[in-house]
């Protein structure tokens, strides 16, 4: 090796080599720093992403309670069954009852059933098989100031089983022909009748005489 001349400057490192080394070092440092930053930010990013997902997911709806069956009604008692049966109304329950049709006062002398009717002279009639006459014998008094006739047209009766029956004008004529169509003088009273022809055993809860005067049994 030749001795260095003291008057000669030392050899310099080539500029290109210095730049390559510096660039390599910078790349290594940047890579190391990027890895550390990624490692540092990764948990934070994952945590934020999880929070966002949790906030976006709606809470589960509560399960509806299963329908409950209503309690079964109590079985009917003997008293309930008894109340459902129509109350018996014998014909005599109408004895002594009264109502009004216009200026006429109607009073029931007697109510009864029979299968044979007569006026006591020449007229008579028999009820069909399985039927009977319901006979309302009335005292009719004219309480008005003018002569007035008693007309049974429009009379209906309601039975204990809910049927509505019309009166029987032919049977009424048989027993009361001599009272029909004649005027009753003011203050005067006559005997007349309302009759129904109905199945044997029928009972009436009310009678509407001439479509106006309501007769109800005296229970």
C-alpha atoms as a PDB file:
ATOM      1  CA  UNK A   1       0.000   0.000   0.000  1.00  0.00           C
ATOM      2  CA  UNK A   2       1.293   3.359  -0.974  1.00  0.00           C
ATOM      3  CA  UNK A   3       1.656   5.974   1.745  1.00  0.00           C
ATOM      4  CA  UNK A   4      -0.962   8.750   1.463  1.00  0.00           C
ATOM      5  CA  UNK A   5       0.433  11.999   0.319  1.00  0.00           C
ATOM      6  CA  UNK A   6      -0.265  14.483   3.072  1.00  0.00           C
ATOM      7  CA  UNK A   7      -1.000  17.164   0.553  1.00  0.00           C
ATOM      8  CA  UNK A   8      -3.655  15.059  -1.191  1.00  0.00           C
ATOM      9  CA  UNK A   9      -7.300  15.083   0.028  1.00  0.00           C
ATOM     10  CA  UNK A  10      -8.800  11.822   1.293  1.00  0.00           C
ATOM     11  CA  UNK A  11     -10.847   9.821  -1.142  1.00  0.00           C
ATOM     12  CA  UNK A  12     -14.621  10.583  -1.005  1.00  0.00           C
ATOM     13  CA  UNK A  13     -17.442   8.065  -0.885  1.00  0.00           C
ATOM     14  CA  UNK A  14     -19.295   8.066  -4.143  1.00  0.00           C
ATOM     15  CA  UNK A  15     -22.457  10.241  -4.025  1.00  0.00           C
ATOM     16  CA  UNK A  16     -24.618   7.547  -5.582  1.00  0.00           C
ATOM     17  CA  UNK A  17     -23.775   5.023  -2.920  1.00  0.00           C
ATOM     18  CA  UNK A  18     -24.656   7.526  -0.186  1.00  0.00           C
ATOM     19  CA  UNK A  19     -28.074   8.198  -1.764  1.00  0.00           C
ATOM     20  CA  UNK A  20     -28.863   4.485  -2.099  1.00  0.00           C
ATOM     21  CA  UNK A  21     -27.971   3.839   1.515  1.00  0.00           C
ATOM     22  CA  UNK A  22     -30.020   6.794   2.720  1.00  0.00           C
ATOM     23  CA  UNK A  23     -33.013   5.753   0.636  1.00  0.00           C
ATOM     24  CA  UNK A  24     -32.810   2.216   1.915  1.00  0.00           C
ATOM     25  CA  UNK A  25     -32.723   3.386   5.491  1.00  0.00           C
ATOM     26  CA  UNK A  26     -35.700   5.724   4.899  1.00  0.00           C
ATOM     27  CA  UNK A  27     -37.728   2.923   3.380  1.00  0.00           C
ATOM     28  CA  UNK A  28     -36.965   0.650   6.312  1.00  0.00           C
ATOM     29  CA  UNK A  29     -37.907   3.348   8.808  1.00  0.00           C
ATOM     30  CA  UNK A  30     -41.113   4.168   6.965  1.00  0.00           C
ATOM     31  CA  UNK A  31     -42.061   0.524   6.787  1.00  0.00           C
ATOM     32  CA  UNK A  32     -41.372   0.077  10.470  1.00  0.00           C
ATOM     33  CA  UNK A  33     -43.361   3.188  11.329  1.00  0.00           C
ATOM     34  CA  UNK A  34     -46.287   2.106   9.114  1.00  0.00           C
ATOM     35  CA  UNK A  35     -46.400  -1.307  10.739  1.00  0.00           C
ATOM     36  CA  UNK A  36     -46.444   0.244  14.210  1.00  0.00           C
ATOM     37  CA  UNK A  37     -49.175   2.706  13.160  1.00  0.00           C
ATOM     38  CA  UNK A  38     -51.245  -0.109  11.676  1.00  0.00           C
ATOM     39  CA  UNK A  39     -50.787  -2.148  14.829  1.00  0.00           C
ATOM     40  CA  UNK A  40     -51.772   0.882  16.932  1.00  0.00           C
ATOM     41  CA  UNK A  41     -54.838   1.880  14.857  1.00  0.00           C
ATOM     42  CA  UNK A  42     -56.126  -1.607  14.146  1.00  0.00           C
ATOM     43  CA  UNK A  43     -57.834  -2.153  17.578  1.00  0.00           C
ATOM     44  CA  UNK A  44     -59.388   1.335  17.427  1.00  0.00           C
ATOM     45  CA  UNK A  45     -60.747   0.820  13.913  1.00  0.00           C
ATOM     46  CA  UNK A  46     -62.099  -2.617  14.798  1.00  0.00           C
ATOM     47  CA  UNK A  47     -63.739  -1.222  17.954  1.00  0.00           C
ATOM     48  CA  UNK A  48     -65.382   1.653  16.067  1.00  0.00           C
ATOM     49  CA  UNK A  49     -66.650  -0.733  13.391  1.00  0.00           C
ATOM     50  CA  UNK A  50     -68.133  -3.033  16.027  1.00  0.00           C
ATOM     51  CA  UNK A  51     -69.886  -0.109  17.729  1.00  0.00           C
ATOM     52  CA  UNK A  52     -71.340   1.005  14.393  1.00  0.00           C
ATOM     53  CA  UNK A  53     -72.644  -2.487  13.687  1.00  0.00           C
ATOM     54  CA  UNK A  54     -74.193  -2.740  17.158  1.00  0.00           C
ATOM     55  CA  UNK A  55     -75.918   0.619  16.792  1.00  0.00           C
ATOM     56  CA  UNK A  56     -77.312  -0.294  13.351  1.00  0.00           C
ATOM     57  CA  UNK A  57     -78.805  -3.621  14.517  1.00  0.00           C
ATOM     58  CA  UNK A  58     -82.352  -3.082  15.980  1.00  0.00           C
ATOM     59  CA  UNK A  59     -83.078  -4.736  19.315  1.00  0.00           C
ATOM     60  CA  UNK A  60     -85.084  -7.955  19.106  1.00  0.00           C
ATOM     61  CA  UNK A  61     -88.842  -7.515  19.549  1.00  0.00           C
ATOM     62  CA  UNK A  62     -90.298  -9.044  22.701  1.00  0.00           C
ATOM     63  CA  UNK A  63     -92.166 -12.289  22.115  1.00  0.00           C
ATOM     64  CA  UNK A  64     -95.951 -11.953  22.261  1.00  0.00           C
ATOM     65  CA  UNK A  65     -97.581 -13.754  25.131  1.00  0.00           C
ATOM     66  CA  UNK A  66     -99.530 -16.831  24.003  1.00  0.00           C
ATOM     67  CA  UNK A  67    -103.318 -16.250  23.839  1.00  0.00           C
ATOM     68  CA  UNK A  68    -105.205 -17.383  26.852  1.00  0.00           C
ATOM     69  CA  UNK A  69    -108.512 -19.236  26.595  1.00  0.00           C
ATOM     70  CA  UNK A  70    -111.403 -17.471  28.378  1.00  0.00           C
ATOM     71  CA  UNK A  71    -112.780 -19.388  31.332  1.00  0.00           C
ATOM     72  CA  UNK A  72    -115.667 -21.676  30.542  1.00  0.00           C
ATOM     73  CA  UNK A  73    -119.069 -20.405  31.724  1.00  0.00           C
ATOM     74  CA  UNK A  74    -120.582 -22.045  34.730  1.00  0.00           C
ATOM     75  CA  UNK A  75    -123.120 -24.740  33.897  1.00  0.00           C
ATOM     76  CA  UNK A  76    -126.753 -23.657  34.292  1.00  0.00           C
ATOM     77  CA  UNK A  77    -128.219 -24.326  37.700  1.00  0.00           C
ATOM     78  CA  UNK A  78    -131.664 -25.614  38.475  1.00  0.00           C
ATOM     79  CA  UNK A  79    -132.842 -22.088  39.321  1.00  0.00           C
ATOM     80  CA  UNK A  80    -131.619 -20.772  35.958  1.00  0.00           C
ATOM     81  CA  UNK A  81    -133.551 -23.475  34.141  1.00  0.00           C
ATOM     82  CA  UNK A  82    -136.657 -22.735  36.154  1.00  0.00           C
ATOM     83  CA  UNK A  83    -136.505 -19.038  35.260  1.00  0.00           C
ATOM     84  CA  UNK A  84    -136.276 -19.885  31.554  1.00  0.00           C
ATOM     85  CA  UNK A  85    -139.592 -21.754  31.638  1.00  0.00           C
ATOM     86  CA  UNK A  86    -142.577 -19.442  30.926  1.00  0.00           C
ATOM     87  CA  UNK A  87    -144.731 -18.852  33.983  1.00  0.00           C
ATOM     88  CA  UNK A  88    -148.105 -20.540  33.900  1.00  0.00           C
ATOM     89  CA  UNK A  89    -151.081 -18.209  33.389  1.00  0.00           C
ATOM     90  CA  UNK A  90    -154.398 -19.991  33.988  1.00  0.00           C
ATOM     91  CA  UNK A  91    -157.497 -18.385  32.434  1.00  0.00           C
ATOM     92  CA  UNK A  92    -158.899 -17.368  35.821  1.00  0.00           C
ATOM     93  CA  UNK A  93    -155.879 -15.069  36.295  1.00  0.00           C
ATOM     94  CA  UNK A  94    -157.822 -12.579  34.140  1.00  0.00           C
ATOM     95  CA  UNK A  95    -160.917 -12.567  36.377  1.00  0.00           C
ATOM     96  CA  UNK A  96    -161.612  -9.041  37.618  1.00  0.00           C
ATOM     97  CA  UNK A  97    -159.072  -7.314  35.340  1.00  0.00           C
ATOM     98  CA  UNK A  98    -160.070  -4.299  33.250  1.00  0.00           C
ATOM     99  CA  UNK A  99    -158.996  -2.000  30.425  1.00  0.00           C
ATOM    100  CA  UNK A 100    -160.362   0.824  28.253  1.00  0.00           C
ATOM    101  CA  UNK A 101    -161.151   1.146  24.549  1.00  0.00           C
ATOM    102  CA  UNK A 102    -161.997   4.759  23.835  1.00  0.00           C
ATOM    103  CA  UNK A 103    -164.821   5.761  26.169  1.00  0.00           C
ATOM    104  CA  UNK A 104    -165.685   2.137  26.909  1.00  0.00           C
ATOM    105  CA  UNK A 105    -164.645   0.500  30.182  1.00  0.00           C
ATOM    106  CA  UNK A 106    -164.095  -3.257  29.804  1.00  0.00           C
ATOM    107  CA  UNK A 107    -164.197  -5.425  32.934  1.00  0.00           C
ATOM    108  CA  UNK A 108    -163.556  -9.175  32.820  1.00  0.00           C
ATOM    109  CA  UNK A 109    -166.347 -10.966  34.684  1.00  0.00           C
ATOM    110  CA  UNK A 110    -164.885 -14.382  34.020  1.00  0.00           C
ATOM    111  CA  UNK A 111    -162.244 -16.049  31.818  1.00  0.00           C
ATOM    112  CA  UNK A 112    -162.366 -19.783  31.129  1.00  0.00           C
ATOM    113  CA  UNK A 113    -161.882 -22.447  28.438  1.00  0.00           C
ATOM    114  CA  UNK A 114    -164.405 -24.813  26.856  1.00  0.00           C
ATOM    115  CA  UNK A 115    -164.781 -26.936  23.739  1.00  0.00           C
ATOM    116  CA  UNK A 116    -168.473 -26.042  23.298  1.00  0.00           C
ATOM    117  CA  UNK A 117    -170.093 -22.597  23.167  1.00  0.00           C
ATOM    118  CA  UNK A 118    -173.721 -21.424  22.841  1.00  0.00           C
ATOM    119  CA  UNK A 119    -175.808 -18.290  23.163  1.00  0.00           C
ATOM    120  CA  UNK A 120    -178.284 -20.252  25.235  1.00  0.00           C
ATOM    121  CA  UNK A 121    -180.905 -20.262  22.522  1.00  0.00           C
ATOM    122  CA  UNK A 122    -180.291 -21.298  18.916  1.00  0.00           C
ATOM    123  CA  UNK A 123    -176.586 -20.773  18.228  1.00  0.00           C
ATOM    124  CA  UNK A 124    -173.813 -23.156  19.281  1.00  0.00           C
ATOM    125  CA  UNK A 125    -170.418 -24.338  18.098  1.00  0.00           C
ATOM    126  CA  UNK A 126    -167.735 -26.937  18.909  1.00  0.00           C
ATOM    127  CA  UNK A 127    -163.975 -26.427  18.809  1.00  0.00           C
ATOM    128  CA  UNK A 128    -161.963 -28.470  16.268  1.00  0.00           C
ATOM    129  CA  UNK A 129    -160.100 -31.547  17.497  1.00  0.00           C
ATOM    130  CA  UNK A 130    -157.134 -30.609  19.673  1.00  0.00           C
ATOM    131  CA  UNK A 131    -158.424 -27.038  20.066  1.00  0.00           C
ATOM    132  CA  UNK A 132    -160.454 -25.179  22.666  1.00  0.00           C
ATOM    133  CA  UNK A 133    -162.144 -21.817  23.106  1.00  0.00           C
ATOM    134  CA  UNK A 134    -160.636 -19.181  25.390  1.00  0.00           C
ATOM    135  CA  UNK A 135    -163.638 -17.177  26.550  1.00  0.00           C
ATOM    136  CA  UNK A 136    -163.454 -13.670  28.065  1.00  0.00           C
ATOM    137  CA  UNK A 137    -166.901 -12.638  29.366  1.00  0.00           C
ATOM    138  CA  UNK A 138    -166.931  -8.846  29.667  1.00  0.00           C
ATOM    139  CA  UNK A 139    -169.041  -6.093  31.151  1.00  0.00           C
ATOM    140  CA  UNK A 140    -168.767  -3.142  28.769  1.00  0.00           C
ATOM    141  CA  UNK A 141    -169.746   0.296  30.103  1.00  0.00           C
ATOM    142  CA  UNK A 142    -169.978   3.446  28.023  1.00  0.00           C
ATOM    143  CA  UNK A 143    -168.443   6.237  30.105  1.00  0.00           C
ATOM    144  CA  UNK A 144    -168.665   8.786  27.309  1.00  0.00           C
ATOM    145  CA  UNK A 145    -171.326  11.318  26.366  1.00  0.00           C
ATOM    146  CA  UNK A 146    -172.410   9.734  23.085  1.00  0.00           C
ATOM    147  CA  UNK A 147    -173.662   6.291  22.017  1.00  0.00           C
ATOM    148  CA  UNK A 148    -170.734   4.005  21.139  1.00  0.00           C
ATOM    149  CA  UNK A 149    -170.544   0.453  19.745  1.00  0.00           C
ATOM    150  CA  UNK A 150    -168.112  -2.146  21.072  1.00  0.00           C
ATOM    151  CA  UNK A 151    -166.031  -3.567  18.181  1.00  0.00           C
ATOM    152  CA  UNK A 152    -163.542  -6.421  18.773  1.00  0.00           C
ATOM    153  CA  UNK A 153    -161.820  -5.993  15.393  1.00  0.00           C
ATOM    154  CA  UNK A 154    -158.008  -6.015  15.813  1.00  0.00           C
ATOM    155  CA  UNK A 155    -157.978  -8.039  19.045  1.00  0.00           C
ATOM    156  CA  UNK A 156    -154.850 -10.217  19.486  1.00  0.00           C
ATOM    157  CA  UNK A 157    -153.419 -12.327  22.300  1.00  0.00           C
ATOM    158  CA  UNK A 158    -149.803 -13.208  23.131  1.00  0.00           C
ATOM    159  CA  UNK A 159    -149.183 -16.720  24.455  1.00  0.00           C
ATOM    160  CA  UNK A 160    -146.662 -17.795  27.072  1.00  0.00           C
ATOM    161  CA  UNK A 161    -144.512 -19.354  24.327  1.00  0.00           C
ATOM    162  CA  UNK A 162    -144.375 -16.095  22.333  1.00  0.00           C
ATOM    163  CA  UNK A 163    -147.036 -16.708  19.679  1.00  0.00           C
ATOM    164  CA  UNK A 164    -149.473 -13.967  18.679  1.00  0.00           C
ATOM    165  CA  UNK A 165    -153.001 -15.249  17.961  1.00  0.00           C
ATOM    166  CA  UNK A 166    -155.954 -13.365  16.520  1.00  0.00           C
ATOM    167  CA  UNK A 167    -159.387 -13.507  18.096  1.00  0.00           C
ATOM    168  CA  UNK A 168    -162.136 -15.641  16.554  1.00  0.00           C
ATOM    169  CA  UNK A 169    -164.953 -13.301  15.391  1.00  0.00           C
ATOM    170  CA  UNK A 170    -167.155 -16.224  14.306  1.00  0.00           C
ATOM    171  CA  UNK A 171    -167.059 -17.746  17.780  1.00  0.00           C
ATOM    172  CA  UNK A 172    -167.748 -14.305  19.275  1.00  0.00           C
ATOM    173  CA  UNK A 173    -170.808 -13.940  17.036  1.00  0.00           C
ATOM    174  CA  UNK A 174    -172.087 -17.336  18.219  1.00  0.00           C
ATOM    175  CA  UNK A 175    -172.281 -16.246  21.849  1.00  0.00           C
ATOM    176  CA  UNK A 176    -172.794 -12.467  21.539  1.00  0.00           C
ATOM    177  CA  UNK A 177    -174.589 -11.790  18.255  1.00  0.00           C
ATOM    178  CA  UNK A 178    -177.303  -9.797  20.027  1.00  0.00           C
ATOM    179  CA  UNK A 179    -174.728  -7.301  21.400  1.00  0.00           C
ATOM    180  CA  UNK A 180    -172.677  -6.675  18.300  1.00  0.00           C
ATOM    181  CA  UNK A 181    -173.117  -3.579  16.141  1.00  0.00           C
ATOM    182  CA  UNK A 182    -175.553  -1.983  18.563  1.00  0.00           C
ATOM    183  CA  UNK A 183    -174.622   1.316  20.184  1.00  0.00           C
ATOM    184  CA  UNK A 184    -174.243   1.413  23.928  1.00  0.00           C
ATOM    185  CA  UNK A 185    -175.908   4.458  25.394  1.00  0.00           C
ATOM    186  CA  UNK A 186    -173.890   6.783  27.677  1.00  0.00           C
ATOM    187  CA  UNK A 187    -173.767   5.318  31.186  1.00  0.00           C
ATOM    188  CA  UNK A 188    -175.212   1.969  30.058  1.00  0.00           C
ATOM    189  CA  UNK A 189    -173.533  -1.438  30.426  1.00  0.00           C
ATOM    190  CA  UNK A 190    -173.882  -4.633  28.371  1.00  0.00           C
ATOM    191  CA  UNK A 191    -172.423  -8.130  28.513  1.00  0.00           C
ATOM    192  CA  UNK A 192    -170.143  -9.071  25.603  1.00  0.00           C
ATOM    193  CA  UNK A 193    -167.327 -11.482  24.768  1.00  0.00           C
ATOM    194  CA  UNK A 194    -163.832 -11.842  23.353  1.00  0.00           C
ATOM    195  CA  UNK A 195    -162.971 -15.374  22.195  1.00  0.00           C
ATOM    196  CA  UNK A 196    -159.871 -17.176  20.912  1.00  0.00           C
ATOM    197  CA  UNK A 197    -159.701 -20.632  19.332  1.00  0.00           C
ATOM    198  CA  UNK A 198    -156.313 -22.076  20.294  1.00  0.00           C
ATOM    199  CA  UNK A 199    -154.568 -25.426  20.812  1.00  0.00           C
ATOM    200  CA  UNK A 200    -155.575 -27.145  24.017  1.00  0.00           C
ATOM    201  CA  UNK A 201    -153.417 -25.989  26.939  1.00  0.00           C
ATOM    202  CA  UNK A 202    -152.560 -22.587  25.444  1.00  0.00           C
ATOM    203  CA  UNK A 203    -152.123 -19.780  27.979  1.00  0.00           C
ATOM    204  CA  UNK A 204    -152.051 -16.035  27.340  1.00  0.00           C
ATOM    205  CA  UNK A 205    -149.679 -13.510  28.907  1.00  0.00           C
ATOM    206  CA  UNK A 206    -151.704 -10.519  27.597  1.00  0.00           C
ATOM    207  CA  UNK A 207    -154.698  -9.591  25.468  1.00  0.00           C
ATOM    208  CA  UNK A 208    -154.873  -6.427  23.365  1.00  0.00           C
ATOM    209  CA  UNK A 209    -158.582  -5.724  22.857  1.00  0.00           C
ATOM    210  CA  UNK A 210    -159.541  -3.877  19.659  1.00  0.00           C
ATOM    211  CA  UNK A 211    -155.857  -3.087  19.133  1.00  0.00           C
ATOM    212  CA  UNK A 212    -156.053  -0.565  21.985  1.00  0.00           C
ATOM    213  CA  UNK A 213    -157.063  -1.875  25.418  1.00  0.00           C
ATOM    214  CA  UNK A 214    -154.432  -4.038  27.168  1.00  0.00           C
ATOM    215  CA  UNK A 215    -155.619  -6.803  29.475  1.00  0.00           C
ATOM    216  CA  UNK A 216    -152.982  -8.405  31.708  1.00  0.00           C
ATOM    217  CA  UNK A 217    -153.474 -11.249  34.201  1.00  0.00           C
ATOM    218  CA  UNK A 218    -153.822 -10.439  37.875  1.00  0.00           C
ATOM    219  CA  UNK A 219    -150.974 -12.600  39.207  1.00  0.00           C
END
